[in-house]
Amino acid sequence: MGEKKVHKTSVGGQALIEGIMMKGPKGTAMSVRLPNGEIDTEYKETKPWRDKNKFFALPLVRGIVGFVESLVTGYGYLMESAEKSTQGEEEAEEELSKLDRWINDHFGPKMMQAVGAVSAVLGVALAFFLFMWLPTYLVDLVTQNRLLQFHALFEGILRVIIFVLYMVAVSQMKDIKRVFMYHGAEHKSIFCYEHGLELTVENVRRQKRFHPRCGTSFMFVMILLSILLSSALVLIFPHLAEINRVLWIGVKLLILPLVMGLGYEFIRYAGRHDNILVKALSAPGLWMQRITTKEPTDDIIEVGIAALSAVLTDNPDDDTIQ
């Protein structure tokens, strides 16, 4: 079957627990493989935050808004998929002690919300420690006074190393490997659609699993941009290299919104163009997807097709980060 021209940035998605979320121009669909083998697909009409206020749609601002929206909605779909993918598992109920049953019966929903909130806080704390505090602390241990102007550069390089090692480590976990397989199916399904092919398991299987608009690429671009901006600030304002490191971390947090905004604009541009500049800047993120995506099995591909089919329309008009 021949390929036809299709709008490149019409659909974005996210890998879930035994499922995939796809976001189209008019709504969002979530498909989850249930314990009984069936695929449960739920479609919701949604309106992007940037469509609710003109200010949210401004360049740079839309990147910040989109990032926050992805975190909030993505976390909600992740929790929902985890609940659906374990529905009907009676063995776990049988293993519950009387105390566990009592807690589950009386505090089940609230307990899940509390656990989710605590997990989110711990996740943010871990990210802050690994990618903000730790690089600064380690570079301070070895940087001499004559090298202070290169502190931001060394710190950025170390942050990249920590990020790669962290992703390699978590990719070895069994449950994460499954999520990364769904991540691969998400990309392959979208590529199949973008190439104008019929959404079949055979056609999806033949597609690449590395996509320039992936969230992994976005994170890597953000790290690279933070290195450039931090280094530029130290060159423009040399005294920044000598300030207290707590204040320095505060400076980096202040420029984080700008980094997110610029990163989004680049990912958006990369989704529409295929020139040398885009290829060069996208290369690290695409390489990282060798870690964050895995080749999916046919049953996982079926979930991606189900989610994507639910959001396709005749007039795509969305720009989303996958």
Protein backbone atom coordinates (compact mmCIF):
# COMPACT_ATOMS: atom_id res chain seq x y z
CA MET A 1 0.00 0.00 0.00
CA GLY A 2 1.34 3.45 -0.90
CA GLU A 3 1.95 6.17 1.61
CA LYS A 4 0.08 9.47 1.71
CA LYS A 5 0.98 12.80 3.23
CA VAL A 6 -0.36 13.16 6.78
CA HIS A 7 -0.01 16.04 9.26
CA LYS A 8 3.04 15.14 11.33
CA THR A 9 2.04 16.62 14.65
CA SER A 10 -1.57 15.54 15.01
CA VAL A 11 -1.21 12.98 17.77
CA GLY A 12 0.91 12.47 20.87
CA GLY A 13 0.86 9.81 23.51
CA GLN A 14 2.20 8.27 26.67
CA ALA A 15 3.02 4.74 27.76
CA LEU A 16 1.07 3.55 30.80
CA ILE A 17 0.87 0.48 33.01
CA GLU A 18 -0.19 -2.23 30.52
CA GLY A 19 -1.63 0.49 28.32
CA ILE A 20 -1.21 3.55 26.14
CA MET A 21 -2.75 7.02 26.20
CA MET A 22 -3.17 8.86 22.91
CA LYS A 23 -4.02 12.56 22.72
CA GLY A 24 -5.67 13.86 19.57
CA PRO A 25 -6.97 17.27 18.48
CA LYS A 26 -10.37 16.85 20.13
CA GLY A 27 -9.92 14.27 22.86
CA THR A 28 -7.86 11.69 24.67
CA ALA A 29 -8.12 7.91 24.56
CA MET A 30 -6.67 5.38 26.97
CA SER A 31 -6.41 1.70 26.06
CA VAL A 32 -5.43 -0.84 28.72
CA ARG A 33 -4.91 -4.60 28.47
CA LEU A 34 -7.09 -6.07 31.21
CA PRO A 35 -6.11 -9.20 33.19
CA ASN A 36 -8.68 -11.23 31.19
CA GLY A 37 -6.87 -10.35 27.95
CA GLU A 38 -9.41 -7.86 26.63
CA ILE A 39 -8.50 -4.30 25.65
CA ASP A 40 -10.45 -1.63 27.50
CA THR A 41 -10.57 1.68 25.59
CA GLU A 42 -11.98 4.85 27.10
CA TYR A 43 -12.32 8.09 25.14
CA LYS A 44 -12.73 11.51 26.73
CA GLU A 45 -13.27 14.84 25.03
CA THR A 46 -10.56 17.12 26.34
CA LYS A 47 -9.49 20.67 25.72
CA PRO A 48 -5.79 21.58 25.97
CA TRP A 49 -5.01 24.13 28.63
CA ARG A 50 -3.54 26.46 26.01
CA ASP A 51 -6.97 26.62 24.33
CA LYS A 52 -8.56 27.87 27.53
CA ASN A 53 -6.56 31.08 27.66
CA LYS A 54 -4.85 33.00 24.84
CA PHE A 55 -1.89 33.75 27.10
CA PHE A 56 -1.25 30.00 27.50
CA ALA A 57 -0.87 29.68 23.72
CA LEU A 58 1.95 32.23 23.39
CA PRO A 59 5.37 30.97 22.26
CA LEU A 60 7.54 29.85 25.21
CA VAL A 61 4.54 30.07 27.54
CA ARG A 62 2.80 27.18 25.75
CA GLY A 63 5.81 24.99 26.40
CA ILE A 64 5.65 25.58 30.16
CA VAL A 65 1.88 25.09 30.22
CA GLY A 66 2.13 21.95 28.08
CA PHE A 67 4.80 20.45 30.32
CA VAL A 68 2.79 21.02 33.49
CA GLU A 69 -0.36 19.72 31.78
CA SER A 70 1.47 16.58 30.66
CA LEU A 71 2.67 15.93 34.21
CA VAL A 72 -0.76 16.42 35.77
CA THR A 73 -2.88 14.55 33.22
CA GLY A 74 -0.22 11.92 32.55
CA TYR A 75 0.00 11.03 36.24
CA GLY A 76 -3.77 10.70 36.40
CA TYR A 77 -3.87 8.32 33.43
CA LEU A 78 -0.95 6.35 34.85
CA MET A 79 -2.79 5.75 38.13
CA GLU A 80 -6.00 4.86 36.28
CA SER A 81 -4.21 2.37 34.04
CA ALA A 82 -2.58 0.73 37.06
CA GLU A 83 -6.01 0.26 38.62
CA LYS A 84 -7.58 -1.12 35.44
CA SER A 85 -4.73 -3.49 34.67
CA THR A 86 -5.21 -5.22 38.03
CA GLN A 87 -9.01 -5.41 38.01
CA GLY A 88 -10.37 -8.88 38.63
CA GLU A 89 -7.22 -10.24 40.21
CA GLU A 90 -8.85 -12.16 43.03
CA GLU A 91 -5.66 -13.88 44.17
CA ALA A 92 -4.34 -10.66 45.67
CA GLU A 93 -7.58 -10.21 47.63
CA GLU A 94 -7.33 -13.73 49.03
CA GLU A 95 -3.84 -13.04 50.33
CA LEU A 96 -4.94 -9.97 52.28
CA SER A 97 -4.87 -10.24 56.05
CA LYS A 98 -7.84 -9.15 58.13
CA LEU A 99 -6.05 -5.88 58.91
CA ASP A 100 -5.30 -5.35 55.21
CA ARG A 101 -8.95 -5.98 54.31
CA TRP A 102 -10.13 -3.57 56.99
CA ILE A 103 -7.77 -0.85 55.75
CA ASN A 104 -8.79 -1.52 52.15
CA ASP A 105 -12.52 -1.43 52.95
CA HIS A 106 -12.40 1.72 55.07
CA PHE A 107 -9.59 3.74 53.54
CA GLY A 108 -9.11 2.22 50.08
CA PRO A 109 -9.69 5.28 47.84
CA LYS A 110 -8.19 7.76 50.33
CA MET A 111 -5.22 5.50 50.91
CA MET A 112 -4.54 5.29 47.17
CA GLN A 113 -4.72 9.07 46.91
CA ALA A 114 -2.35 9.44 49.87
CA VAL A 115 0.10 6.90 48.45
CA GLY A 116 -0.06 8.63 45.07
CA ALA A 117 0.60 12.04 46.63
CA VAL A 118 3.53 10.74 48.67
CA SER A 119 4.97 9.00 45.61
CA ALA A 120 4.74 12.22 43.60
CA VAL A 121 6.50 14.22 46.33
CA LEU A 122 9.24 11.59 46.64
CA GLY A 123 9.64 11.55 42.86
CA VAL A 124 10.13 15.32 42.74
CA ALA A 125 12.56 15.13 45.68
CA LEU A 126 14.57 12.38 43.96
CA ALA A 127 14.71 14.35 40.70
CA PHE A 128 15.87 17.47 42.58
CA PHE A 129 18.56 15.50 44.40
CA LEU A 130 19.89 13.67 41.33
CA PHE A 131 19.73 16.41 38.72
CA MET A 132 20.08 19.63 40.72
CA TRP A 133 21.87 19.18 44.04
CA LEU A 134 24.15 16.18 43.35
CA PRO A 135 25.87 17.56 40.20
CA THR A 136 26.50 20.90 41.94
CA TYR A 137 27.90 19.19 45.04
CA LEU A 138 30.18 16.82 43.13
CA VAL A 139 31.58 19.53 40.87
CA ASP A 140 32.25 21.73 43.92
CA LEU A 141 34.38 18.94 45.38
CA VAL A 142 36.79 18.89 42.46
CA THR A 143 36.58 22.37 40.90
CA GLN A 144 39.47 24.71 41.65
CA ASN A 145 39.05 28.47 41.88
CA ARG A 146 40.66 28.94 38.47
CA LEU A 147 37.99 26.73 36.91
CA LEU A 148 34.94 28.41 38.40
CA GLN A 149 33.91 29.84 35.03
CA PHE A 150 33.55 26.27 33.74
CA HIS A 151 31.49 25.13 36.74
CA ALA A 152 28.18 25.26 34.87
CA LEU A 153 29.61 23.29 31.95
CA PHE A 154 31.09 20.56 34.15
CA GLU A 155 27.89 20.44 36.14
CA GLY A 156 25.83 20.04 32.98
CA ILE A 157 28.02 17.25 31.65
CA LEU A 158 27.74 15.44 34.97
CA ARG A 159 23.96 15.89 34.88
CA VAL A 160 23.84 14.21 31.47
CA ILE A 161 25.91 11.29 32.77
CA ILE A 162 23.67 10.88 35.84
CA PHE A 163 20.55 11.04 33.66
CA VAL A 164 21.82 8.34 31.29
CA LEU A 165 22.96 6.07 34.14
CA TYR A 166 19.62 6.54 35.90
CA MET A 167 17.64 5.60 32.79
CA VAL A 168 19.85 2.56 32.17
CA ALA A 169 19.34 1.43 35.78
CA VAL A 170 15.53 1.75 35.80
CA SER A 171 15.29 0.09 32.37
CA GLN A 172 16.49 -3.14 33.97
CA MET A 173 13.39 -3.39 36.15
CA LYS A 174 10.87 -5.92 34.85
CA ASP A 175 7.81 -3.64 35.16
CA ILE A 176 9.65 -0.72 33.57
CA LYS A 177 10.69 -2.89 30.63
CA ARG A 178 6.98 -3.54 29.99
CA VAL A 179 6.26 0.20 30.07
CA PHE A 180 9.13 0.81 27.64
CA MET A 181 7.64 -1.82 25.29
CA TYR A 182 4.35 0.10 25.35
CA HIS A 183 6.39 3.25 24.72
CA GLY A 184 7.80 1.61 21.60
CA ALA A 185 4.31 0.60 20.46
CA GLU A 186 3.12 4.17 20.94
CA HIS A 187 5.83 5.54 18.65
CA LYS A 188 5.40 2.81 16.03
CA SER A 189 1.64 3.34 15.90
CA ILE A 190 2.01 7.09 15.43
CA PHE A 191 4.66 6.60 12.74
CA CYS A 192 2.32 4.21 10.92
CA TYR A 193 -0.41 6.85 10.93
CA GLU A 194 1.97 9.62 9.89
CA HIS A 195 3.09 7.53 6.93
CA GLY A 196 -0.50 7.13 5.79
CA LEU A 197 -0.60 3.36 6.29
CA GLU A 198 -3.50 1.29 7.52
CA LEU A 199 -3.29 0.68 11.25
CA THR A 200 -2.58 -3.05 11.29
CA VAL A 201 -0.20 -5.01 13.48
CA GLU A 202 1.95 -5.85 10.45
CA ASN A 203 2.25 -2.21 9.32
CA VAL A 204 2.93 -0.91 12.83
CA ARG A 205 5.54 -3.57 13.50
CA ARG A 206 7.61 -2.35 10.51
CA GLN A 207 7.89 1.23 11.81
CA LYS A 208 10.77 2.79 13.75
CA ARG A 209 10.42 3.17 17.50
CA PHE A 210 12.50 6.38 17.74
CA HIS A 211 10.43 9.55 17.34
CA PRO A 212 11.76 13.16 17.35
CA ARG A 213 8.79 14.45 19.39
CA CYS A 214 9.25 11.96 22.22
CA GLY A 215 9.25 13.15 25.82
CA THR A 216 12.67 11.53 26.22
CA SER A 217 14.04 13.85 23.54
CA PHE A 218 12.32 16.76 25.28
CA MET A 219 14.04 15.94 28.59
CA PHE A 220 17.43 15.63 26.90
CA VAL A 221 16.93 18.91 25.05
CA MET A 222 16.04 20.57 28.36
CA ILE A 223 19.28 19.32 29.91
CA LEU A 224 21.36 20.58 26.98
CA LEU A 225 19.59 23.95 27.02
CA SER A 226 20.14 24.29 30.77
CA ILE A 227 23.87 23.72 30.19
CA LEU A 228 23.98 26.42 27.53
CA LEU A 229 21.94 28.95 29.51
CA SER A 230 23.81 28.36 32.78
CA SER A 231 27.16 28.66 31.04
CA ALA A 232 26.04 31.83 29.27
CA LEU A 233 24.89 33.39 32.55
CA VAL A 234 28.28 32.71 34.15
CA LEU A 235 30.08 34.27 31.19
CA ILE A 236 27.82 37.35 31.24
CA PHE A 237 27.79 37.63 35.05
CA PRO A 238 31.13 36.16 36.27
CA HIS A 239 30.23 36.69 39.94
CA LEU A 240 27.57 34.00 39.65
CA ALA A 241 30.38 31.44 39.71
CA GLU A 242 31.32 32.57 43.20
CA ILE A 243 27.91 32.72 44.89
CA ASN A 244 26.67 30.28 47.51
CA ARG A 245 25.68 27.01 45.87
CA VAL A 246 22.21 27.09 47.40
CA LEU A 247 21.66 30.41 45.63
CA TRP A 248 23.13 28.93 42.45
CA ILE A 249 20.56 26.12 42.55
CA GLY A 250 17.93 28.80 43.03
CA VAL A 251 19.15 30.58 39.89
CA LYS A 252 18.87 27.34 37.92
CA LEU A 253 15.33 26.83 39.19
CA LEU A 254 14.45 30.37 38.07
CA ILE A 255 15.62 29.73 34.50
CA LEU A 256 13.87 26.35 34.37
CA PRO A 257 10.62 27.80 32.89
CA LEU A 258 12.65 29.40 30.09
CA VAL A 259 14.39 26.07 29.48
CA MET A 260 11.04 24.28 29.26
CA GLY A 261 9.65 26.89 26.89
CA LEU A 262 12.65 26.78 24.56
CA GLY A 263 12.76 22.99 24.70
CA TYR A 264 9.14 22.70 23.66
CA GLU A 265 9.59 25.10 20.76
CA PHE A 266 12.53 23.06 19.50
CA ILE A 267 10.66 19.73 19.79
CA ARG A 268 7.71 21.33 17.98
CA TYR A 269 10.04 22.58 15.25
CA ALA A 270 11.74 19.18 15.01
CA GLY A 271 8.38 17.53 14.43
CA ARG A 272 7.83 19.69 11.34
CA HIS A 273 11.33 19.82 9.83
CA ASP A 274 14.07 17.40 8.85
CA ASN A 275 17.21 19.47 8.28
CA ILE A 276 20.81 19.10 9.44
CA LEU A 277 20.31 21.31 12.52
CA VAL A 278 17.30 19.30 13.68
CA LYS A 279 19.11 16.01 13.10
CA ALA A 280 22.15 17.18 15.06
CA LEU A 281 20.21 18.51 18.05
CA SER A 282 17.76 15.59 18.03
CA ALA A 283 20.46 12.92 17.87
CA PRO A 284 21.10 12.64 21.67
CA GLY A 285 17.38 12.32 22.45
CA LEU A 286 16.87 9.76 19.69
CA TRP A 287 19.83 7.80 21.01
CA MET A 288 18.32 7.84 24.50
CA GLN A 289 15.18 6.25 23.10
CA ARG A 290 17.22 3.09 22.58
CA ILE A 291 16.96 2.88 26.36
CA THR A 292 13.45 4.23 26.97
CA THR A 293 11.71 2.26 24.21
CA LYS A 294 11.74 -1.48 23.56
CA GLU A 295 10.44 -3.53 20.66
CA PRO A 296 6.79 -4.36 21.45
CA THR A 297 5.07 -7.70 21.02
CA ASP A 298 2.01 -7.97 18.78
CA ASP A 299 -0.42 -7.89 21.72
CA ILE A 300 1.13 -4.63 22.91
CA ILE A 301 0.94 -3.19 19.39
CA GLU A 302 -2.79 -3.98 19.40
CA VAL A 303 -3.21 -1.73 22.44
CA GLY A 304 -1.44 1.13 20.65
CA ILE A 305 -3.66 0.71 17.60
CA ALA A 306 -6.79 0.70 19.77
CA ALA A 307 -5.82 3.95 21.52
CA LEU A 308 -4.74 5.71 18.33
CA SER A 309 -7.83 4.66 16.38
CA ALA A 310 -10.03 6.22 19.05
CA VAL A 311 -8.61 9.73 18.65
CA LEU A 312 -8.10 10.05 14.90
CA THR A 313 -10.09 12.77 13.14
CA ASP A 314 -10.18 14.16 9.60
CA ASN A 315 -8.81 17.55 10.62
CA PRO A 316 -5.80 17.16 12.95
CA ASP A 317 -4.67 20.41 14.49
CA ASP A 318 -2.61 19.59 17.54
CA ASP A 319 1.05 19.86 18.55
CA THR A 320 1.89 17.51 21.40
CA ILE A 321 4.92 15.94 22.97
CA GLN A 322 4.83 12.17 23.03
